[in-house]
PDB file of N, CA and C in Angstrom:
ATOM      1  N   MET A   1     -27.623 -79.417 -20.610  1.00  0.00           N
ATOM      2  CA  MET A   1     -26.966 -79.391 -19.321  1.00  0.00           C
ATOM      3  C   MET A   1     -25.546 -78.873 -19.517  1.00  0.00           C
ATOM      4  N   THR A   2     -25.163 -77.880 -18.741  1.00  0.00           N
ATOM      5  CA  THR A   2     -23.829 -77.321 -18.873  1.00  0.00           C
ATOM      6  C   THR A   2     -22.959 -77.785 -17.717  1.00  0.00           C
ATOM      7  N   GLU A   3     -21.707 -77.990 -18.018  1.00  0.00           N
ATOM      8  CA  GLU A   3     -20.751 -78.388 -16.998  1.00  0.00           C
ATOM      9  C   GLU A   3     -19.947 -77.173 -16.568  1.00  0.00           C
ATOM     10  N   SER A   4     -19.859 -77.001 -15.280  1.00  0.00           N
ATOM     11  CA  SER A   4     -19.056 -75.902 -14.739  1.00  0.00           C
ATOM     12  C   SER A   4     -17.656 -76.430 -14.433  1.00  0.00           C
ATOM     13  N   THR A   5     -16.669 -75.894 -15.112  1.00  0.00           N
ATOM     14  CA  THR A   5     -15.297 -76.324 -14.847  1.00  0.00           C
ATOM     15  C   THR A   5     -14.671 -75.359 -13.860  1.00  0.00           C
ATOM     16  N   ASP A   6     -14.488 -75.822 -12.652  1.00  0.00           N
ATOM     17  CA  ASP A   6     -13.882 -75.006 -11.606  1.00  0.00           C
ATOM     18  C   ASP A   6     -12.381 -75.260 -11.627  1.00  0.00           C
ATOM     19  N   THR A   7     -11.620 -74.237 -12.015  1.00  0.00           N
ATOM     20  CA  THR A   7     -10.174 -74.411 -12.143  1.00  0.00           C
ATOM     21  C   THR A   7      -9.423 -74.028 -10.874  1.00  0.00           C
ATOM     22  N   ASP A   8     -10.138 -73.798  -9.777  1.00  0.00           N
ATOM     23  CA  ASP A   8      -9.495 -73.436  -8.521  1.00  0.00           C
ATOM     24  C   ASP A   8      -9.394 -74.670  -7.629  1.00  0.00           C
ATOM     25  N   LEU A   9      -8.177 -75.155  -7.455  1.00  0.00           N
ATOM     26  CA  LEU A   9      -7.936 -76.331  -6.628  1.00  0.00           C
ATOM     27  C   LEU A   9      -8.380 -76.108  -5.199  1.00  0.00           C
ATOM     28  N   TRP A  10      -8.171 -74.921  -4.691  1.00  0.00           N
ATOM     29  CA  TRP A  10      -8.403 -74.647  -3.271  1.00  0.00           C
ATOM     30  C   TRP A  10      -9.875 -74.653  -2.899  1.00  0.00           C
ATOM     31  N   SER A  11     -10.771 -74.486  -3.863  1.00  0.00           N
ATOM     32  CA  SER A  11     -12.201 -74.537  -3.545  1.00  0.00           C
ATOM     33  C   SER A  11     -12.651 -75.955  -3.221  1.00  0.00           C
ATOM     34  N   HIS A  12     -11.835 -76.945  -3.553  1.00  0.00           N
ATOM     35  CA  HIS A  12     -12.169 -78.345  -3.289  1.00  0.00           C
ATOM     36  C   HIS A  12     -11.491 -78.886  -2.039  1.00  0.00           C
ATOM     37  N   LYS A  13     -10.668 -78.082  -1.404  1.00  0.00           N
ATOM     38  CA  LYS A  13      -9.885 -78.537  -0.249  1.00  0.00           C
ATOM     39  C   LYS A  13     -10.499 -78.043   1.053  1.00  0.00           C
ATOM     40  N   PRO A  14     -10.354 -78.819   2.129  1.00  0.00           N
ATOM     41  CA  PRO A  14     -10.853 -78.364   3.436  1.00  0.00           C
ATOM     42  C   PRO A  14     -10.007 -77.220   3.985  1.00  0.00           C
ATOM     43  N   TRP A  15     -10.472 -76.617   5.068  1.00  0.00           N
ATOM     44  CA  TRP A  15      -9.802 -75.436   5.622  1.00  0.00           C
ATOM     45  C   TRP A  15      -8.367 -75.724   6.023  1.00  0.00           C
ATOM     46  N   TRP A  16      -8.087 -76.941   6.475  1.00  0.00           N
ATOM     47  CA  TRP A  16      -6.738 -77.250   6.947  1.00  0.00           C
ATOM     48  C   TRP A  16      -5.761 -77.532   5.799  1.00  0.00           C
ATOM     49  N   CYS A  17      -6.234 -77.484   4.571  1.00  0.00           N
ATOM     50  CA  CYS A  17      -5.370 -77.716   3.411  1.00  0.00           C
ATOM     51  C   CYS A  17      -5.415 -76.509   2.465  1.00  0.00           C
ATOM     52  N   GLN A  18      -5.534 -75.318   3.012  1.00  0.00           N
ATOM     53  CA  GLN A  18      -5.544 -74.094   2.238  1.00  0.00           C
ATOM     54  C   GLN A  18      -4.127 -73.511   2.210  1.00  0.00           C
ATOM     55  N   PRO A  19      -3.833 -72.630   1.264  1.00  0.00           N
ATOM     56  CA  PRO A  19      -2.476 -72.076   1.187  1.00  0.00           C
ATOM     57  C   PRO A  19      -1.995 -71.424   2.482  1.00  0.00           C
ATOM     58  N   TRP A  20      -2.857 -70.713   3.169  1.00  0.00           N
ATOM     59  CA  TRP A  20      -2.432 -70.035   4.403  1.00  0.00           C
ATOM     60  C   TRP A  20      -2.038 -71.035   5.477  1.00  0.00           C
ATOM     61  N   THR A  21      -2.702 -72.191   5.540  1.00  0.00           N
ATOM     62  CA  THR A  21      -2.331 -73.184   6.549  1.00  0.00           C
ATOM     63  C   THR A  21      -1.042 -73.896   6.170  1.00  0.00           C
ATOM     64  N   ILE A  22      -0.816 -74.081   4.881  1.00  0.00           N
ATOM     65  CA  ILE A  22       0.423 -74.709   4.423  1.00  0.00           C
ATOM     66  C   ILE A  22       1.612 -73.807   4.748  1.00  0.00           C
ATOM     67  N   VAL A  23       1.476 -72.517   4.468  1.00  0.00           N
ATOM     68  CA  VAL A  23       2.551 -71.566   4.756  1.00  0.00           C
ATOM     69  C   VAL A  23       2.755 -71.437   6.269  1.00  0.00           C
ATOM     70  N   LEU A  24       1.677 -71.301   7.023  1.00  0.00           N
ATOM     71  CA  LEU A  24       1.786 -71.150   8.469  1.00  0.00           C
ATOM     72  C   LEU A  24       2.431 -72.377   9.114  1.00  0.00           C
ATOM     73  N   THR A  25       2.043 -73.559   8.688  1.00  0.00           N
ATOM     74  CA  THR A  25       2.629 -74.788   9.231  1.00  0.00           C
ATOM     75  C   THR A  25       4.117 -74.853   8.925  1.00  0.00           C
ATOM     76  N   GLY A  26       4.493 -74.512   7.704  1.00  0.00           N
ATOM     77  CA  GLY A  26       5.908 -74.512   7.341  1.00  0.00           C
ATOM     78  C   GLY A  26       6.713 -73.538   8.173  1.00  0.00           C
ATOM     79  N   LEU A  27       6.175 -72.340   8.372  1.00  0.00           N
ATOM     80  CA  LEU A  27       6.872 -71.346   9.190  1.00  0.00           C
ATOM     81  C   LEU A  27       7.005 -71.816  10.637  1.00  0.00           C
ATOM     82  N   LEU A  28       5.958 -72.443  11.152  1.00  0.00           N
ATOM     83  CA  LEU A  28       6.017 -72.953  12.522  1.00  0.00           C
ATOM     84  C   LEU A  28       7.034 -74.084  12.666  1.00  0.00           C
ATOM     85  N   VAL A  29       7.115 -74.945  11.667  1.00  0.00           N
ATOM     86  CA  VAL A  29       8.082 -76.044  11.724  1.00  0.00           C
ATOM     87  C   VAL A  29       9.510 -75.514  11.690  1.00  0.00           C
ATOM     88  N   VAL A  30       9.795 -74.612  10.769  1.00  0.00           N
ATOM     89  CA  VAL A  30      11.148 -74.053  10.672  1.00  0.00           C
ATOM     90  C   VAL A  30      11.476 -73.227  11.914  1.00  0.00           C
ATOM     91  N   GLY A  31      10.548 -72.368  12.319  1.00  0.00           N
ATOM     92  CA  GLY A  31      10.776 -71.559  13.506  1.00  0.00           C
ATOM     93  C   GLY A  31      10.907 -72.407  14.761  1.00  0.00           C
ATOM     94  N   GLY A  32      10.074 -73.440  14.869  1.00  0.00           N
ATOM     95  CA  GLY A  32      10.152 -74.330  16.019  1.00  0.00           C
ATOM     96  C   GLY A  32      11.458 -75.095  16.058  1.00  0.00           C
ATOM     97  N   SER A  33      11.930 -75.504  14.902  1.00  0.00           N
ATOM     98  CA  SER A  33      13.205 -76.197  14.826  1.00  0.00           C
ATOM     99  C   SER A  33      14.332 -75.304  15.359  1.00  0.00           C
ATOM    100  N   TRP A  34      14.312 -74.039  14.957  1.00  0.00           N
ATOM    101  CA  TRP A  34      15.355 -73.121  15.409  1.00  0.00           C
ATOM    102  C   TRP A  34      15.216 -72.810  16.899  1.00  0.00           C
ATOM    103  N   LEU A  35      13.982 -72.554  17.345  1.00  0.00           N
ATOM    104  CA  LEU A  35      13.772 -72.197  18.750  1.00  0.00           C
ATOM    105  C   LEU A  35      14.119 -73.333  19.708  1.00  0.00           C
ATOM    106  N   VAL A  36      13.835 -74.562  19.300  1.00  0.00           N
ATOM    107  CA  VAL A  36      14.084 -75.702  20.181  1.00  0.00           C
ATOM    108  C   VAL A  36      15.548 -76.130  20.136  1.00  0.00           C
ATOM    109  N   LEU A  37      16.118 -76.216  18.927  1.00  0.00           N
ATOM    110  CA  LEU A  37      17.451 -76.804  18.788  1.00  0.00           C
ATOM    111  C   LEU A  37      18.594 -75.792  18.689  1.00  0.00           C
ATOM    112  N   HIS A  38      18.321 -74.619  18.139  1.00  0.00           N
ATOM    113  CA  HIS A  38      19.373 -73.617  17.888  1.00  0.00           C
ATOM    114  C   HIS A  38      20.548 -74.223  17.118  1.00  0.00           C
ATOM    115  N   ARG A  39      20.228 -75.035  16.133  1.00  0.00           N
ATOM    116  CA  ARG A  39      21.258 -75.670  15.307  1.00  0.00           C
ATOM    117  C   ARG A  39      20.958 -75.377  13.838  1.00  0.00           C
ATOM    118  N   LEU A  40      21.857 -74.619  13.206  1.00  0.00           N
ATOM    119  CA  LEU A  40      21.666 -74.274  11.802  1.00  0.00           C
ATOM    120  C   LEU A  40      21.744 -75.511  10.917  1.00  0.00           C
ATOM    121  N   TRP A  41      22.555 -76.486  11.293  1.00  0.00           N
ATOM    122  CA  TRP A  41      22.712 -77.683  10.470  1.00  0.00           C
ATOM    123  C   TRP A  41      21.460 -78.560  10.516  1.00  0.00           C
ATOM    124  N   VAL A  42      20.558 -78.323  11.460  1.00  0.00           N
ATOM    125  CA  VAL A  42      19.267 -79.025  11.491  1.00  0.00           C
ATOM    126  C   VAL A  42      18.195 -78.155  10.839  1.00  0.00           C
ATOM    127  N   THR A  43      18.174 -76.890  11.193  1.00  0.00           N
ATOM    128  CA  THR A  43      17.142 -75.990  10.691  1.00  0.00           C
ATOM    129  C   THR A  43      17.282 -75.754   9.186  1.00  0.00           C
ATOM    130  N   GLY A  44      18.498 -75.734   8.671  1.00  0.00           N
ATOM    131  CA  GLY A  44      18.712 -75.541   7.232  1.00  0.00           C
ATOM    132  C   GLY A  44      18.046 -76.623   6.395  1.00  0.00           C
ATOM    133  N   PRO A  45      18.331 -77.903   6.659  1.00  0.00           N
ATOM    134  CA  PRO A  45      17.645 -78.953   5.906  1.00  0.00           C
ATOM    135  C   PRO A  45      16.127 -78.974   6.125  1.00  0.00           C
ATOM    136  N   VAL A  46      15.698 -78.628   7.338  1.00  0.00           N
ATOM    137  CA  VAL A  46      14.253 -78.552   7.594  1.00  0.00           C
ATOM    138  C   VAL A  46      13.636 -77.470   6.717  1.00  0.00           C
ATOM    139  N   ALA A  47      14.293 -76.325   6.630  1.00  0.00           N
ATOM    140  CA  ALA A  47      13.802 -75.236   5.780  1.00  0.00           C
ATOM    141  C   ALA A  47      13.810 -75.640   4.310  1.00  0.00           C
ATOM    142  N   LEU A  48      14.814 -76.400   3.893  1.00  0.00           N
ATOM    143  CA  LEU A  48      14.865 -76.871   2.508  1.00  0.00           C
ATOM    144  C   LEU A  48      13.705 -77.814   2.199  1.00  0.00           C
ATOM    145  N   VAL A  49      13.411 -78.714   3.105  1.00  0.00           N
ATOM    146  CA  VAL A  49      12.283 -79.645   2.919  1.00  0.00           C
ATOM    147  C   VAL A  49      10.965 -78.875   2.897  1.00  0.00           C
ATOM    148  N   VAL A  50      10.810 -77.913   3.784  1.00  0.00           N
ATOM    149  CA  VAL A  50       9.591 -77.109   3.808  1.00  0.00           C
ATOM    150  C   VAL A  50       9.466 -76.312   2.509  1.00  0.00           C
ATOM    151  N   GLY A  51      10.555 -75.757   2.009  1.00  0.00           N
ATOM    152  CA  GLY A  51      10.529 -75.034   0.737  1.00  0.00           C
ATOM    153  C   GLY A  51      10.104 -75.926  -0.417  1.00  0.00           C
ATOM    154  N   CYS A  52      10.619 -77.152  -0.440  1.00  0.00           N
ATOM    155  CA  CYS A  52      10.200 -78.112  -1.480  1.00  0.00           C
ATOM    156  C   CYS A  52       8.729 -78.460  -1.339  1.00  0.00           C
ATOM    157  N   TRP A  53       8.297 -78.615  -0.089  1.00  0.00           N
ATOM    158  CA  TRP A  53       6.893 -78.908   0.192  1.00  0.00           C
ATOM    159  C   TRP A  53       6.016 -77.761  -0.296  1.00  0.00           C
ATOM    160  N   TRP A  54       6.398 -76.528  -0.007  1.00  0.00           N
ATOM    161  CA  TRP A  54       5.649 -75.370  -0.484  1.00  0.00           C
ATOM    162  C   TRP A  54       5.603 -75.336  -2.007  1.00  0.00           C
ATOM    163  N   PHE A  55       6.742 -75.564  -2.647  1.00  0.00           N
ATOM    164  CA  PHE A  55       6.783 -75.533  -4.102  1.00  0.00           C
ATOM    165  C   PHE A  55       5.861 -76.599  -4.689  1.00  0.00           C
ATOM    166  N   LEU A  56       5.874 -77.774  -4.111  1.00  0.00           N
ATOM    167  CA  LEU A  56       5.021 -78.861  -4.599  1.00  0.00           C
ATOM    168  C   LEU A  56       3.542 -78.531  -4.445  1.00  0.00           C
ATOM    169  N   PHE A  57       3.133 -78.109  -3.266  1.00  0.00           N
ATOM    170  CA  PHE A  57       1.717 -77.914  -2.993  1.00  0.00           C
ATOM    171  C   PHE A  57       1.177 -76.534  -3.349  1.00  0.00           C
ATOM    172  N   LEU A  58       2.031 -75.528  -3.445  1.00  0.00           N
ATOM    173  CA  LEU A  58       1.552 -74.180  -3.747  1.00  0.00           C
ATOM    174  C   LEU A  58       1.805 -73.747  -5.182  1.00  0.00           C
ATOM    175  N   VAL A  59       2.686 -74.467  -5.894  1.00  0.00           N
ATOM    176  CA  VAL A  59       2.986 -74.096  -7.284  1.00  0.00           C
ATOM    177  C   VAL A  59       2.642 -75.242  -8.239  1.00  0.00           C
ATOM    178  N   ILE A  60       3.247 -76.390  -8.039  1.00  0.00           N
ATOM    179  CA  ILE A  60       3.084 -77.496  -8.986  1.00  0.00           C
ATOM    180  C   ILE A  60       1.665 -78.071  -8.973  1.00  0.00           C
ATOM    181  N   ALA A  61       1.130 -78.367  -7.789  1.00  0.00           N
ATOM    182  CA  ALA A  61      -0.200 -78.990  -7.717  1.00  0.00           C
ATOM    183  C   ALA A  61      -1.301 -78.106  -8.303  1.00  0.00           C
ATOM    184  N   PRO A  62      -1.372 -76.810  -7.955  1.00  0.00           N
ATOM    185  CA  PRO A  62      -2.415 -75.983  -8.568  1.00  0.00           C
ATOM    186  C   PRO A  62      -2.265 -75.843 -10.084  1.00  0.00           C
ATOM    187  N   THR A  63      -1.027 -75.762 -10.554  1.00  0.00           N
ATOM    188  CA  THR A  63      -0.806 -75.660 -11.996  1.00  0.00           C
ATOM    189  C   THR A  63      -1.237 -76.936 -12.701  1.00  0.00           C
ATOM    190  N   ALA A  64      -0.886 -78.084 -12.134  1.00  0.00           N
ATOM    191  CA  ALA A  64      -1.286 -79.359 -12.737  1.00  0.00           C
ATOM    192  C   ALA A  64      -2.799 -79.511 -12.717  1.00  0.00           C
ATOM    193  N   TYR A  65      -3.434 -79.090 -11.635  1.00  0.00           N
ATOM    194  CA  TYR A  65      -4.896 -79.174 -11.541  1.00  0.00           C
ATOM    195  C   TYR A  65      -5.551 -78.277 -12.588  1.00  0.00           C
ATOM    196  N   ARG A  66      -5.033 -77.061 -12.728  1.00  0.00           N
ATOM    197  CA  ARG A  66      -5.573 -76.126 -13.716  1.00  0.00           C
ATOM    198  C   ARG A  66      -5.413 -76.671 -15.125  1.00  0.00           C
ATOM    199  N   ASN A  67      -4.244 -77.270 -15.427  1.00  0.00           N
ATOM    200  CA  ASN A  67      -4.011 -77.822 -16.766  1.00  0.00           C
ATOM    201  C   ASN A  67      -4.866 -79.052 -17.016  1.00  0.00           C
ATOM    202  N   GLN A  68      -5.097 -79.847 -15.997  1.00  0.00           N
ATOM    203  CA  GLN A  68      -5.907 -81.055 -16.147  1.00  0.00           C
ATOM    204  C   GLN A  68      -7.378 -80.725 -16.381  1.00  0.00           C
ATOM    205  N   SER A  69      -7.859 -79.660 -15.774  1.00  0.00           N
ATOM    206  CA  SER A  69      -9.287 -79.333 -15.872  1.00  0.00           C
ATOM    207  C   SER A  69      -9.650 -78.576 -17.143  1.00  0.00           C
ATOM    208  N   ARG A  70      -8.697 -78.319 -17.986  1.00  0.00           N
ATOM    209  CA  ARG A  70      -8.984 -77.624 -19.255  1.00  0.00           C
ATOM    210  C   ARG A  70      -9.591 -78.549 -20.258  1.00  0.00           C
TER     211      ARG A  70
END
């Protein structure tokens, strides 16, 4: 019996947790913050949090998953 090691994190995630939805949601949050408030001092920190969120879920998590499945 052979084991198939699937090193792609995204093949195990539902459609709403794919990279395109993560990026689209982040863009909508930052854009919505600017469109509604027109305040750079609010939109800047929101963009920083979204950037950290992207880095965590689009860079760190897939790399950790790939390293763990080896």
